[in-house]
């Protein structure tokens, strides 16, 4: 095992362990939360990845325009989850590049002067 991730105290694996991989080790360091890359995420895991509250994740799912695709089994809301591919698609459609945002701010600043 390698060092621990921030205040989380979860061990960050080194390249010699079988689980998790070095990519997962990077994600732990990047997000300071131990969320292993997987095909399905719980609402809590999505919240930790995005550094927002689970209630905020659920509010994104209730939006009329481009809702976050939270799924659950028929007959109940317990056990809600988000598919990784759908989360990535939603993030691409509902976020803006920081570089593009900075350019847009500069452009609008010069247009108003």
PDB file of N, CA and C in Angstrom:
ATOM      1  N   UNK A   1       0.827  -1.194   0.000  1.00  0.00           N
ATOM      2  CA  UNK A   1       0.000   0.000   0.000  1.00  0.00           C
ATOM      3  C   UNK A   1       0.866   1.251   0.000  1.00  0.00           C
ATOM      4  N   UNK A   2       0.360   2.313  -0.574  1.00  0.00           N
ATOM      5  CA  UNK A   2       1.067   3.581  -0.524  1.00  0.00           C
ATOM      6  C   UNK A   2       0.401   4.493   0.499  1.00  0.00           C
ATOM      7  N   UNK A   3       0.631   5.776   0.401  1.00  0.00           N
ATOM      8  CA  UNK A   3       0.159   6.738   1.389  1.00  0.00           C
ATOM      9  C   UNK A   3      -1.358   6.769   1.508  1.00  0.00           C
ATOM     10  N   UNK A   4      -1.867   7.490   2.510  1.00  0.00           N
ATOM     11  CA  UNK A   4      -3.307   7.632   2.663  1.00  0.00           C
ATOM     12  C   UNK A   4      -3.771   8.895   1.961  1.00  0.00           C
ATOM     13  N   UNK A   5      -5.038   8.931   1.611  1.00  0.00           N
ATOM     14  CA  UNK A   5      -5.607  10.048   0.863  1.00  0.00           C
ATOM     15  C   UNK A   5      -6.159  11.100   1.811  1.00  0.00           C
ATOM     16  N   UNK A   6      -5.455  12.185   1.983  1.00  0.00           N
ATOM     17  CA  UNK A   6      -5.932  13.318   2.769  1.00  0.00           C
ATOM     18  C   UNK A   6      -6.428  12.921   4.141  1.00  0.00           C
ATOM     19  N   UNK A   7      -7.571  13.468   4.528  1.00  0.00           N
ATOM     20  CA  UNK A   7      -8.169  13.166   5.819  1.00  0.00           C
ATOM     21  C   UNK A   7      -8.974  11.882   5.796  1.00  0.00           C
ATOM     22  N   UNK A   8      -9.115  11.293   4.623  1.00  0.00           N
ATOM     23  CA  UNK A   8      -9.959  10.120   4.454  1.00  0.00           C
ATOM     24  C   UNK A   8      -9.401   8.894   5.158  1.00  0.00           C
ATOM     25  N   UNK A   9      -8.100   8.793   5.302  1.00  0.00           N
ATOM     26  CA  UNK A   9      -7.416   7.662   5.930  1.00  0.00           C
ATOM     27  C   UNK A   9      -7.611   6.354   5.179  1.00  0.00           C
ATOM     28  N   UNK A  10      -8.157   6.415   3.985  1.00  0.00           N
ATOM     29  CA  UNK A  10      -8.261   5.218   3.153  1.00  0.00           C
ATOM     30  C   UNK A  10      -6.927   5.044   2.455  1.00  0.00           C
ATOM     31  N   UNK A  11      -6.373   3.844   2.433  1.00  0.00           N
ATOM     32  CA  UNK A  11      -5.072   3.660   1.799  1.00  0.00           C
ATOM     33  C   UNK A  11      -5.155   3.821   0.293  1.00  0.00           C
ATOM     34  N   UNK A  12      -4.154   4.448  -0.253  1.00  0.00           N
ATOM     35  CA  UNK A  12      -4.035   4.558  -1.700  1.00  0.00           C
ATOM     36  C   UNK A  12      -3.152   3.408  -2.141  1.00  0.00           C
ATOM     37  N   UNK A  13      -3.644   2.551  -3.027  1.00  0.00           N
ATOM     38  CA  UNK A  13      -2.859   1.389  -3.424  1.00  0.00           C
ATOM     39  C   UNK A  13      -1.656   1.769  -4.272  1.00  0.00           C
ATOM     40  N   UNK A  14      -0.615   0.968  -4.199  1.00  0.00           N
ATOM     41  CA  UNK A  14       0.523   1.172  -5.082  1.00  0.00           C
ATOM     42  C   UNK A  14       0.390   0.238  -6.278  1.00  0.00           C
ATOM     43  N   UNK A  15       1.320   0.268  -7.186  1.00  0.00           N
ATOM     44  CA  UNK A  15       1.243  -0.534  -8.400  1.00  0.00           C
ATOM     45  C   UNK A  15       1.380  -2.024  -8.176  1.00  0.00           C
ATOM     46  N   UNK A  16       1.785  -2.471  -6.981  1.00  0.00           N
ATOM     47  CA  UNK A  16       1.975  -3.894  -6.722  1.00  0.00           C
ATOM     48  C   UNK A  16       0.708  -4.602  -6.280  1.00  0.00           C
ATOM     49  N   UNK A  17      -0.303  -3.879  -5.849  1.00  0.00           N
ATOM     50  CA  UNK A  17      -1.522  -4.528  -5.384  1.00  0.00           C
ATOM     51  C   UNK A  17      -2.421  -4.865  -6.567  1.00  0.00           C
ATOM     52  N   UNK A  18      -3.284  -5.835  -6.379  1.00  0.00           N
ATOM     53  CA  UNK A  18      -4.157  -6.256  -7.463  1.00  0.00           C
ATOM     54  C   UNK A  18      -5.370  -5.354  -7.595  1.00  0.00           C
ATOM     55  N   UNK A  19      -5.872  -4.831  -6.505  1.00  0.00           N
ATOM     56  CA  UNK A  19      -7.013  -3.929  -6.523  1.00  0.00           C
ATOM     57  C   UNK A  19      -6.712  -2.760  -5.633  1.00  0.00           C
ATOM     58  N   UNK A  20      -7.078  -1.626  -5.912  1.00  0.00           N
ATOM     59  CA  UNK A  20      -7.389  -1.007  -7.185  1.00  0.00           C
ATOM     60  C   UNK A  20      -6.140  -0.652  -7.991  1.00  0.00           C
ATOM     61  N   UNK A  21      -6.359  -0.193  -9.207  1.00  0.00           N
ATOM     62  CA  UNK A  21      -5.253   0.080 -10.130  1.00  0.00           C
ATOM     63  C   UNK A  21      -4.626   1.449  -9.862  1.00  0.00           C
ATOM     64  N   UNK A  22      -3.586   1.759 -10.611  1.00  0.00           N
ATOM     65  CA  UNK A  22      -2.933   3.060 -10.481  1.00  0.00           C
ATOM     66  C   UNK A  22      -3.864   4.190 -10.921  1.00  0.00           C
ATOM     67  N   UNK A  23      -4.743   3.923 -11.885  1.00  0.00           N
ATOM     68  CA  UNK A  23      -5.723   4.929 -12.288  1.00  0.00           C
ATOM     69  C   UNK A  23      -6.625   5.260 -11.117  1.00  0.00           C
ATOM     70  N   UNK A  24      -7.050   4.239 -10.409  1.00  0.00           N
ATOM     71  CA  UNK A  24      -7.895   4.449  -9.241  1.00  0.00           C
ATOM     72  C   UNK A  24      -7.124   5.191  -8.155  1.00  0.00           C
ATOM     73  N   UNK A  25      -5.843   4.893  -8.025  1.00  0.00           N
ATOM     74  CA  UNK A  25      -4.978   5.594  -7.076  1.00  0.00           C
ATOM     75  C   UNK A  25      -4.946   7.080  -7.425  1.00  0.00           C
ATOM     76  N   UNK A  26      -4.842   7.398  -8.697  1.00  0.00           N
ATOM     77  CA  UNK A  26      -4.847   8.787  -9.140  1.00  0.00           C
ATOM     78  C   UNK A  26      -6.164   9.461  -8.775  1.00  0.00           C
ATOM     79  N   UNK A  27      -7.281   8.767  -9.018  1.00  0.00           N
ATOM     80  CA  UNK A  27      -8.584   9.351  -8.723  1.00  0.00           C
ATOM     81  C   UNK A  27      -8.733   9.641  -7.240  1.00  0.00           C
ATOM     82  N   UNK A  28      -8.195   8.771  -6.400  1.00  0.00           N
ATOM     83  CA  UNK A  28      -8.253   9.007  -4.961  1.00  0.00           C
ATOM     84  C   UNK A  28      -7.490  10.276  -4.622  1.00  0.00           C
ATOM     85  N   UNK A  29      -6.298  10.437  -5.190  1.00  0.00           N
ATOM     86  CA  UNK A  29      -5.505  11.641  -4.924  1.00  0.00           C
ATOM     87  C   UNK A  29      -6.201  12.875  -5.488  1.00  0.00           C
ATOM     88  N   UNK A  30      -6.773  12.755  -6.661  1.00  0.00           N
ATOM     89  CA  UNK A  30      -7.415  13.888  -7.323  1.00  0.00           C
ATOM     90  C   UNK A  30      -8.642  14.357  -6.547  1.00  0.00           C
ATOM     91  N   UNK A  31      -9.503  13.433  -6.180  1.00  0.00           N
ATOM     92  CA  UNK A  31     -10.769  13.794  -5.559  1.00  0.00           C
ATOM     93  C   UNK A  31     -10.740  13.704  -4.038  1.00  0.00           C
ATOM     94  N   UNK A  32      -9.660  13.118  -3.484  1.00  0.00           N
ATOM     95  CA  UNK A  32      -9.521  12.927  -2.044  1.00  0.00           C
ATOM     96  C   UNK A  32     -10.700  12.165  -1.458  1.00  0.00           C
ATOM     97  N   UNK A  33     -11.327  11.386  -2.258  1.00  0.00           N
ATOM     98  CA  UNK A  33     -12.406  10.501  -1.838  1.00  0.00           C
ATOM     99  C   UNK A  33     -12.163   9.158  -2.491  1.00  0.00           C
ATOM    100  N   UNK A  34     -12.475   8.119  -1.792  1.00  0.00           N
ATOM    101  CA  UNK A  34     -12.227   6.793  -2.328  1.00  0.00           C
ATOM    102  C   UNK A  34     -13.468   6.307  -3.069  1.00  0.00           C
ATOM    103  N   UNK A  35     -13.573   6.655  -4.344  1.00  0.00           N
ATOM    104  CA  UNK A  35     -14.652   6.193  -5.209  1.00  0.00           C
ATOM    105  C   UNK A  35     -13.984   5.496  -6.378  1.00  0.00           C
ATOM    106  N   UNK A  36     -14.084   4.189  -6.407  1.00  0.00           N
ATOM    107  CA  UNK A  36     -13.442   3.399  -7.449  1.00  0.00           C
ATOM    108  C   UNK A  36     -14.201   3.584  -8.761  1.00  0.00           C
ATOM    109  N   UNK A  37     -13.496   3.813  -9.870  1.00  0.00           N
ATOM    110  CA  UNK A  37     -14.174   3.887 -11.167  1.00  0.00           C
ATOM    111  C   UNK A  37     -14.948   2.594 -11.429  1.00  0.00           C
ATOM    112  N   UNK A  38     -16.211   2.737 -11.751  1.00  0.00           N
ATOM    113  CA  UNK A  38     -17.066   1.578 -11.973  1.00  0.00           C
ATOM    114  C   UNK A  38     -18.161   1.939 -12.966  1.00  0.00           C
ATOM    115  N   UNK A  39     -18.950   0.960 -13.361  1.00  0.00           N
ATOM    116  CA  UNK A  39     -19.994   1.192 -14.359  1.00  0.00           C
ATOM    117  C   UNK A  39     -21.249   1.811 -13.770  1.00  0.00           C
ATOM    118  N   UNK A  40     -21.466   1.635 -12.469  1.00  0.00           N
ATOM    119  CA  UNK A  40     -22.666   2.127 -11.803  1.00  0.00           C
ATOM    120  C   UNK A  40     -22.252   2.838 -10.516  1.00  0.00           C
ATOM    121  N   UNK A  41     -22.816   4.037 -10.286  1.00  0.00           N
ATOM    122  CA  UNK A  41     -22.526   4.804  -9.074  1.00  0.00           C
ATOM    123  C   UNK A  41     -23.806   5.059  -8.294  1.00  0.00           C
ATOM    124  N   UNK A  42     -23.710   5.029  -6.984  1.00  0.00           N
ATOM    125  CA  UNK A  42     -24.834   5.432  -6.142  1.00  0.00           C
ATOM    126  C   UNK A  42     -24.918   6.958  -6.152  1.00  0.00           C
ATOM    127  N   UNK A  43     -26.022   7.480  -5.650  1.00  0.00           N
ATOM    128  CA  UNK A  43     -26.181   8.930  -5.568  1.00  0.00           C
ATOM    129  C   UNK A  43     -25.084   9.522  -4.682  1.00  0.00           C
ATOM    130  N   UNK A  44     -24.753   8.855  -3.591  1.00  0.00           N
ATOM    131  CA  UNK A  44     -23.693   9.327  -2.701  1.00  0.00           C
ATOM    132  C   UNK A  44     -22.336   9.364  -3.374  1.00  0.00           C
ATOM    133  N   UNK A  45     -22.044   8.360  -4.189  1.00  0.00           N
ATOM    134  CA  UNK A  45     -20.764   8.333  -4.911  1.00  0.00           C
ATOM    135  C   UNK A  45     -20.690   9.451  -5.946  1.00  0.00           C
ATOM    136  N   UNK A  46     -21.797   9.700  -6.636  1.00  0.00           N
ATOM    137  CA  UNK A  46     -21.834  10.810  -7.600  1.00  0.00           C
ATOM    138  C   UNK A  46     -21.599  12.128  -6.863  1.00  0.00           C
ATOM    139  N   UNK A  47     -22.219  12.273  -5.702  1.00  0.00           N
ATOM    140  CA  UNK A  47     -22.045  13.492  -4.913  1.00  0.00           C
ATOM    141  C   UNK A  47     -20.586  13.678  -4.511  1.00  0.00           C
ATOM    142  N   UNK A  48     -19.926  12.614  -4.084  1.00  0.00           N
ATOM    143  CA  UNK A  48     -18.520  12.721  -3.690  1.00  0.00           C
ATOM    144  C   UNK A  48     -17.639  13.040  -4.890  1.00  0.00           C
ATOM    145  N   UNK A  49     -17.921  12.435  -6.032  1.00  0.00           N
ATOM    146  CA  UNK A  49     -17.128  12.716  -7.231  1.00  0.00           C
ATOM    147  C   UNK A  49     -17.239  14.174  -7.661  1.00  0.00           C
ATOM    148  N   UNK A  50     -18.437  14.741  -7.536  1.00  0.00           N
ATOM    149  CA  UNK A  50     -18.682  16.110  -7.996  1.00  0.00           C
ATOM    150  C   UNK A  50     -18.514  17.150  -6.885  1.00  0.00           C
ATOM    151  N   UNK A  51     -18.207  16.701  -5.669  1.00  0.00           N
ATOM    152  CA  UNK A  51     -18.043  17.598  -4.516  1.00  0.00           C
ATOM    153  C   UNK A  51     -19.304  18.421  -4.257  1.00  0.00           C
ATOM    154  N   UNK A  52     -20.447  17.752  -4.287  1.00  0.00           N
ATOM    155  CA  UNK A  52     -21.725  18.383  -3.975  1.00  0.00           C
ATOM    156  C   UNK A  52     -22.482  17.456  -3.037  1.00  0.00           C
ATOM    157  N   UNK A  53     -23.598  17.905  -2.521  1.00  0.00           N
ATOM    158  CA  UNK A  53     -24.382  17.083  -1.603  1.00  0.00           C
ATOM    159  C   UNK A  53     -25.265  16.107  -2.380  1.00  0.00           C
ATOM    160  N   UNK A  54     -25.660  14.997  -1.746  1.00  0.00           N
ATOM    161  CA  UNK A  54     -26.600  14.079  -2.401  1.00  0.00           C
ATOM    162  C   UNK A  54     -27.923  14.761  -2.750  1.00  0.00           C
ATOM    163  N   UNK A  55     -28.366  15.717  -1.923  1.00  0.00           N
ATOM    164  CA  UNK A  55     -29.596  16.451  -2.243  1.00  0.00           C
ATOM    165  C   UNK A  55     -29.447  17.252  -3.530  1.00  0.00           C
ATOM    166  N   UNK A  56     -28.271  17.808  -3.746  1.00  0.00           N
ATOM    167  CA  UNK A  56     -28.011  18.563  -4.989  1.00  0.00           C
ATOM    168  C   UNK A  56     -28.038  17.621  -6.193  1.00  0.00           C
ATOM    169  N   UNK A  57     -27.490  16.415  -6.032  1.00  0.00           N
ATOM    170  CA  UNK A  57     -27.536  15.418  -7.111  1.00  0.00           C
ATOM    171  C   UNK A  57     -28.993  15.116  -7.448  1.00  0.00           C
ATOM    172  N   UNK A  58     -29.816  14.905  -6.423  1.00  0.00           N
ATOM    173  CA  UNK A  58     -31.235  14.607  -6.654  1.00  0.00           C
ATOM    174  C   UNK A  58     -31.953  15.794  -7.297  1.00  0.00           C
ATOM    175  N   UNK A  59     -31.550  17.017  -6.935  1.00  0.00           N
ATOM    176  CA  UNK A  59     -32.186  18.191  -7.547  1.00  0.00           C
ATOM    177  C   UNK A  59     -31.854  18.276  -9.037  1.00  0.00           C
ATOM    178  N   UNK A  60     -30.634  17.859  -9.414  1.00  0.00           N
ATOM    179  CA  UNK A  60     -30.295  17.810 -10.837  1.00  0.00           C
ATOM    180  C   UNK A  60     -31.195  16.815 -11.569  1.00  0.00           C
ATOM    181  N   UNK A  61     -31.586  15.751 -10.908  1.00  0.00           N
ATOM    182  CA  UNK A  61     -32.450  14.743 -11.532  1.00  0.00           C
ATOM    183  C   UNK A  61     -33.876  15.252 -11.716  1.00  0.00           C
ATOM    184  N   UNK A  62     -34.284  16.247 -10.932  1.00  0.00           N
ATOM    185  CA  UNK A  62     -35.652  16.771 -10.998  1.00  0.00           C
ATOM    186  C   UNK A  62     -35.801  17.931 -11.976  1.00  0.00           C
ATOM    187  N   UNK A  63     -34.698  18.360 -12.575  1.00  0.00           N
ATOM    188  CA  UNK A  63     -34.764  19.487 -13.508  1.00  0.00           C
ATOM    189  C   UNK A  63     -35.622  19.136 -14.718  1.00  0.00           C
ATOM    190  N   UNK A  64     -36.312  20.136 -15.245  1.00  0.00           N
ATOM    191  CA  UNK A  64     -37.107  19.932 -16.455  1.00  0.00           C
ATOM    192  C   UNK A  64     -36.213  19.836 -17.682  1.00  0.00           C
ATOM    193  N   UNK A  65     -35.160  20.630 -17.695  1.00  0.00           N
ATOM    194  CA  UNK A  65     -34.235  20.681 -18.825  1.00  0.00           C
ATOM    195  C   UNK A  65     -32.997  19.853 -18.516  1.00  0.00           C
ATOM    196  N   UNK A  66     -32.724  18.853 -19.292  1.00  0.00           N
ATOM    197  CA  UNK A  66     -31.538  18.005 -19.152  1.00  0.00           C
ATOM    198  C   UNK A  66     -31.360  17.443 -17.738  1.00  0.00           C
ATOM    199  N   UNK A  67     -32.308  16.652 -17.247  1.00  0.00           N
ATOM    200  CA  UNK A  67     -32.158  16.088 -15.896  1.00  0.00           C
ATOM    201  C   UNK A  67     -31.048  15.039 -15.834  1.00  0.00           C
ATOM    202  N   UNK A  68     -30.426  14.933 -14.664  1.00  0.00           N
ATOM    203  CA  UNK A  68     -29.431  13.894 -14.426  1.00  0.00           C
ATOM    204  C   UNK A  68     -30.150  12.546 -14.456  1.00  0.00           C
ATOM    205  N   UNK A  69     -29.683  11.593 -15.252  1.00  0.00           N
ATOM    206  CA  UNK A  69     -30.400  10.319 -15.416  1.00  0.00           C
ATOM    207  C   UNK A  69     -30.187   9.351 -14.249  1.00  0.00           C
ATOM    208  N   UNK A  70     -30.898   9.604 -13.135  1.00  0.00           N
ATOM    209  CA  UNK A  70     -30.855   8.678 -12.002  1.00  0.00           C
ATOM    210  C   UNK A  70     -31.866   7.571 -12.268  1.00  0.00           C
ATOM    211  N   UNK A  71     -31.437   6.345 -12.047  1.00  0.00           N
ATOM    212  CA  UNK A  71     -32.304   5.188 -12.261  1.00  0.00           C
ATOM    213  C   UNK A  71     -32.592   4.503 -10.934  1.00  0.00           C
ATOM    214  N   UNK A  72     -33.682   3.743 -10.903  1.00  0.00           N
ATOM    215  CA  UNK A  72     -33.975   2.884  -9.756  1.00  0.00           C
ATOM    216  C   UNK A  72     -34.850   1.742 -10.239  1.00  0.00           C
ATOM    217  N   UNK A  73     -34.960   0.719  -9.425  1.00  0.00           N
ATOM    218  CA  UNK A  73     -35.772  -0.428  -9.794  1.00  0.00           C
ATOM    219  C   UNK A  73     -37.244  -0.053  -9.717  1.00  0.00           C
ATOM    220  N   UNK A  74     -38.075  -0.671 -10.558  1.00  0.00           N
ATOM    221  CA  UNK A  74     -39.500  -0.373 -10.577  1.00  0.00           C
ATOM    222  C   UNK A  74     -40.102  -0.587  -9.191  1.00  0.00           C
ATOM    223  N   UNK A  75     -40.981   0.341  -8.822  1.00  0.00           N
ATOM    224  CA  UNK A  75     -41.690   0.195  -7.562  1.00  0.00           C
ATOM    225  C   UNK A  75     -41.061   0.900  -6.375  1.00  0.00           C
ATOM    226  N   UNK A  76     -39.965   1.581  -6.555  1.00  0.00           N
ATOM    227  CA  UNK A  76     -39.367   2.270  -5.412  1.00  0.00           C
ATOM    228  C   UNK A  76     -38.195   3.134  -5.803  1.00  0.00           C
ATOM    229  N   UNK A  77     -37.918   4.121  -4.955  1.00  0.00           N
ATOM    230  CA  UNK A  77     -36.803   5.026  -5.221  1.00  0.00           C
ATOM    231  C   UNK A  77     -35.546   4.601  -4.477  1.00  0.00           C
ATOM    232  N   UNK A  78     -35.660   3.677  -3.553  1.00  0.00           N
ATOM    233  CA  UNK A  78     -34.480   3.218  -2.800  1.00  0.00           C
ATOM    234  C   UNK A  78     -33.517   2.525  -3.749  1.00  0.00           C
ATOM    235  N   UNK A  79     -32.260   2.690  -3.489  1.00  0.00           N
ATOM    236  CA  UNK A  79     -31.268   2.040  -4.337  1.00  0.00           C
ATOM    237  C   UNK A  79     -31.065   2.749  -5.661  1.00  0.00           C
ATOM    238  N   UNK A  80     -31.242   4.068  -5.671  1.00  0.00           N
ATOM    239  CA  UNK A  80     -31.050   4.836  -6.899  1.00  0.00           C
ATOM    240  C   UNK A  80     -29.591   4.782  -7.328  1.00  0.00           C
ATOM    241  N   UNK A  81     -29.380   4.815  -8.635  1.00  0.00           N
ATOM    242  CA  UNK A  81     -28.022   4.735  -9.164  1.00  0.00           C
ATOM    243  C   UNK A  81     -27.929   5.484 -10.482  1.00  0.00           C
ATOM    244  N   UNK A  82     -26.685   5.733 -10.892  1.00  0.00           N
ATOM    245  CA  UNK A  82     -26.413   6.424 -12.154  1.00  0.00           C
ATOM    246  C   UNK A  82     -25.405   5.589 -12.924  1.00  0.00           C
ATOM    247  N   UNK A  83     -25.691   5.334 -14.194  1.00  0.00           N
ATOM    248  CA  UNK A  83     -24.749   4.614 -15.046  1.00  0.00           C
ATOM    249  C   UNK A  83     -23.609   5.553 -15.443  1.00  0.00           C
ATOM    250  N   UNK A  84     -22.398   5.042 -15.424  1.00  0.00           N
ATOM    251  CA  UNK A  84     -21.213   5.859 -15.692  1.00  0.00           C
ATOM    252  C   UNK A  84     -21.287   6.570 -17.043  1.00  0.00           C
ATOM    253  N   UNK A  85     -21.637   5.843 -18.093  1.00  0.00           N
ATOM    254  CA  UNK A  85     -21.700   6.447 -19.427  1.00  0.00           C
ATOM    255  C   UNK A  85     -22.735   7.569 -19.483  1.00  0.00           C
ATOM    256  N   UNK A  86     -23.880   7.374 -18.818  1.00  0.00           N
ATOM    257  CA  UNK A  86     -24.914   8.405 -18.796  1.00  0.00           C
ATOM    258  C   UNK A  86     -24.465   9.609 -17.971  1.00  0.00           C
ATOM    259  N   UNK A  87     -23.726   9.362 -16.889  1.00  0.00           N
ATOM    260  CA  UNK A  87     -23.195  10.462 -16.078  1.00  0.00           C
ATOM    261  C   UNK A  87     -22.208  11.293 -16.897  1.00  0.00           C
ATOM    262  N   UNK A  88     -21.320  10.622 -17.612  1.00  0.00           N
ATOM    263  CA  UNK A  88     -20.339  11.334 -18.439  1.00  0.00           C
ATOM    264  C   UNK A  88     -21.044  12.155 -19.517  1.00  0.00           C
ATOM    265  N   UNK A  89     -22.024  11.560 -20.204  1.00  0.00           N
ATOM    266  CA  UNK A  89     -22.775  12.293 -21.231  1.00  0.00           C
ATOM    267  C   UNK A  89     -23.463  13.518 -20.632  1.00  0.00           C
ATOM    268  N   UNK A  90     -24.084  13.342 -19.455  1.00  0.00           N
ATOM    269  CA  UNK A  90     -24.782  14.440 -18.799  1.00  0.00           C
ATOM    270  C   UNK A  90     -23.800  15.547 -18.426  1.00  0.00           C
ATOM    271  N   UNK A  91     -22.642  15.173 -17.900  1.00  0.00           N
ATOM    272  CA  UNK A  91     -21.637  16.172 -17.523  1.00  0.00           C
ATOM    273  C   UNK A  91     -21.140  16.957 -18.734  1.00  0.00           C
ATOM    274  N   UNK A  92     -20.920  16.266 -19.840  1.00  0.00           N
ATOM    275  CA  UNK A  92     -20.452  16.946 -21.057  1.00  0.00           C
ATOM    276  C   UNK A  92     -21.497  17.954 -21.535  1.00  0.00           C
ATOM    277  N   UNK A  93     -22.775  17.587 -21.473  1.00  0.00           N
ATOM    278  CA  UNK A  93     -23.838  18.465 -21.961  1.00  0.00           C
ATOM    279  C   UNK A  93     -24.163  19.600 -21.000  1.00  0.00           C
ATOM    280  N   UNK A  94     -23.890  19.427 -19.708  1.00  0.00           N
ATOM    281  CA  UNK A  94     -24.337  20.391 -18.709  1.00  0.00           C
ATOM    282  C   UNK A  94     -23.223  21.156 -18.012  1.00  0.00           C
ATOM    283  N   UNK A  95     -22.015  21.062 -18.534  1.00  0.00           N
ATOM    284  CA  UNK A  95     -20.906  21.833 -17.978  1.00  0.00           C
ATOM    285  C   UNK A  95     -20.214  22.579 -19.108  1.00  0.00           C
ATOM    286  N   UNK A  96     -19.388  23.522 -18.730  1.00  0.00           N
ATOM    287  CA  UNK A  96     -18.641  24.293 -19.714  1.00  0.00           C
ATOM    288  C   UNK A  96     -17.162  24.208 -19.350  1.00  0.00           C
ATOM    289  N   UNK A  97     -16.341  24.194 -20.339  1.00  0.00           N
ATOM    290  CA  UNK A  97     -14.900  24.200 -20.119  1.00  0.00           C
ATOM    291  C   UNK A  97     -14.506  25.499 -19.423  1.00  0.00           C
ATOM    292  N   UNK A  98     -13.622  25.415 -18.451  1.00  0.00           N
ATOM    293  CA  UNK A  98     -13.158  26.612 -17.746  1.00  0.00           C
ATOM    294  C   UNK A  98     -12.485  27.584 -18.712  1.00  0.00           C
ATOM    295  N   UNK A  99     -11.784  27.060 -19.691  1.00  0.00           N
ATOM    296  CA  UNK A  99     -11.127  27.910 -20.694  1.00  0.00           C
ATOM    297  C   UNK A  99     -12.180  28.642 -21.521  1.00  0.00           C
ATOM    298  N   UNK A 100     -13.204  27.920 -21.973  1.00  0.00           N
ATOM    299  CA  UNK A 100     -14.267  28.553 -22.755  1.00  0.00           C
ATOM    300  C   UNK A 100     -15.001  29.613 -21.938  1.00  0.00           C
ATOM    301  N   UNK A 101     -15.222  29.321 -20.664  1.00  0.00           N
ATOM    302  CA  UNK A 101     -15.912  30.276 -19.801  1.00  0.00           C
ATOM    303  C   UNK A 101     -15.091  31.556 -19.634  1.00  0.00           C
ATOM    304  N   UNK A 102     -13.789  31.415 -19.449  1.00  0.00           N
ATOM    305  CA  UNK A 102     -12.916  32.589 -19.314  1.00  0.00           C
ATOM    306  C   UNK A 102     -12.915  33.412 -20.600  1.00  0.00           C
ATOM    307  N   UNK A 103     -12.867  32.743 -21.738  1.00  0.00           N
ATOM    308  CA  UNK A 103     -12.911  33.456 -23.027  1.00  0.00           C
ATOM    309  C   UNK A 103     -14.219  34.218 -23.178  1.00  0.00           C
ATOM    310  N   UNK A 104     -15.316  33.579 -22.798  1.00  0.00           N
ATOM    311  CA  UNK A 104     -16.629  34.206 -22.903  1.00  0.00           C
ATOM    312  C   UNK A 104     -16.714  35.440 -22.005  1.00  0.00           C
ATOM    313  N   UNK A 105     -16.163  35.352 -20.801  1.00  0.00           N
ATOM    314  CA  UNK A 105     -16.154  36.508 -19.897  1.00  0.00           C
ATOM    315  C   UNK A 105     -15.366  37.670 -20.493  1.00  0.00           C
ATOM    316  N   UNK A 106     -14.184  37.361 -21.047  1.00  0.00           N
ATOM    317  CA  UNK A 106     -13.370  38.416 -21.666  1.00  0.00           C
ATOM    318  C   UNK A 106     -14.098  39.036 -22.846  1.00  0.00           C
ATOM    319  N   UNK A 107     -14.719  38.185 -23.661  1.00  0.00           N
ATOM    320  CA  UNK A 107     -15.433  38.669 -24.838  1.00  0.00           C
ATOM    321  C   UNK A 107     -16.579  39.587 -24.421  1.00  0.00           C
ATOM    322  N   UNK A 108     -17.358  39.180 -23.429  1.00  0.00           N
ATOM    323  CA  UNK A 108     -18.490  40.005 -23.000  1.00  0.00           C
ATOM    324  C   UNK A 108     -18.017  41.287 -22.317  1.00  0.00           C
ATOM    325  N   UNK A 109     -16.875  41.246 -21.647  1.00  0.00           N
ATOM    326  CA  UNK A 109     -16.315  42.445 -21.008  1.00  0.00           C
ATOM    327  C   UNK A 109     -15.964  43.492 -22.055  1.00  0.00           C
ATOM    328  N   UNK A 110     -15.348  43.053 -23.162  1.00  0.00           N
ATOM    329  CA  UNK A 110     -14.954  43.991 -24.210  1.00  0.00           C
ATOM    330  C   UNK A 110     -16.154  44.498 -24.993  1.00  0.00           C
ATOM    331  N   UNK A 111     -17.205  43.702 -25.094  1.00  0.00           N
ATOM    332  CA  UNK A 111     -18.398  44.136 -25.818  1.00  0.00           C
ATOM    333  C   UNK A 111     -19.159  45.205 -25.053  1.00  0.00           C
ATOM    334  N   UNK A 112     -19.109  45.165 -23.719  1.00  0.00           N
ATOM    335  CA  UNK A 112     -19.847  46.149 -22.917  1.00  0.00           C
ATOM    336  C   UNK A 112     -19.097  47.462 -22.767  1.00  0.00           C
ATOM    337  N   UNK A 113     -17.812  47.492 -23.059  1.00  0.00           N
ATOM    338  CA  UNK A 113     -17.022  48.729 -22.918  1.00  0.00           C
ATOM    339  C   UNK A 113     -17.129  49.614 -24.123  1.00  0.00           C
TER     340      UNK A 113
END
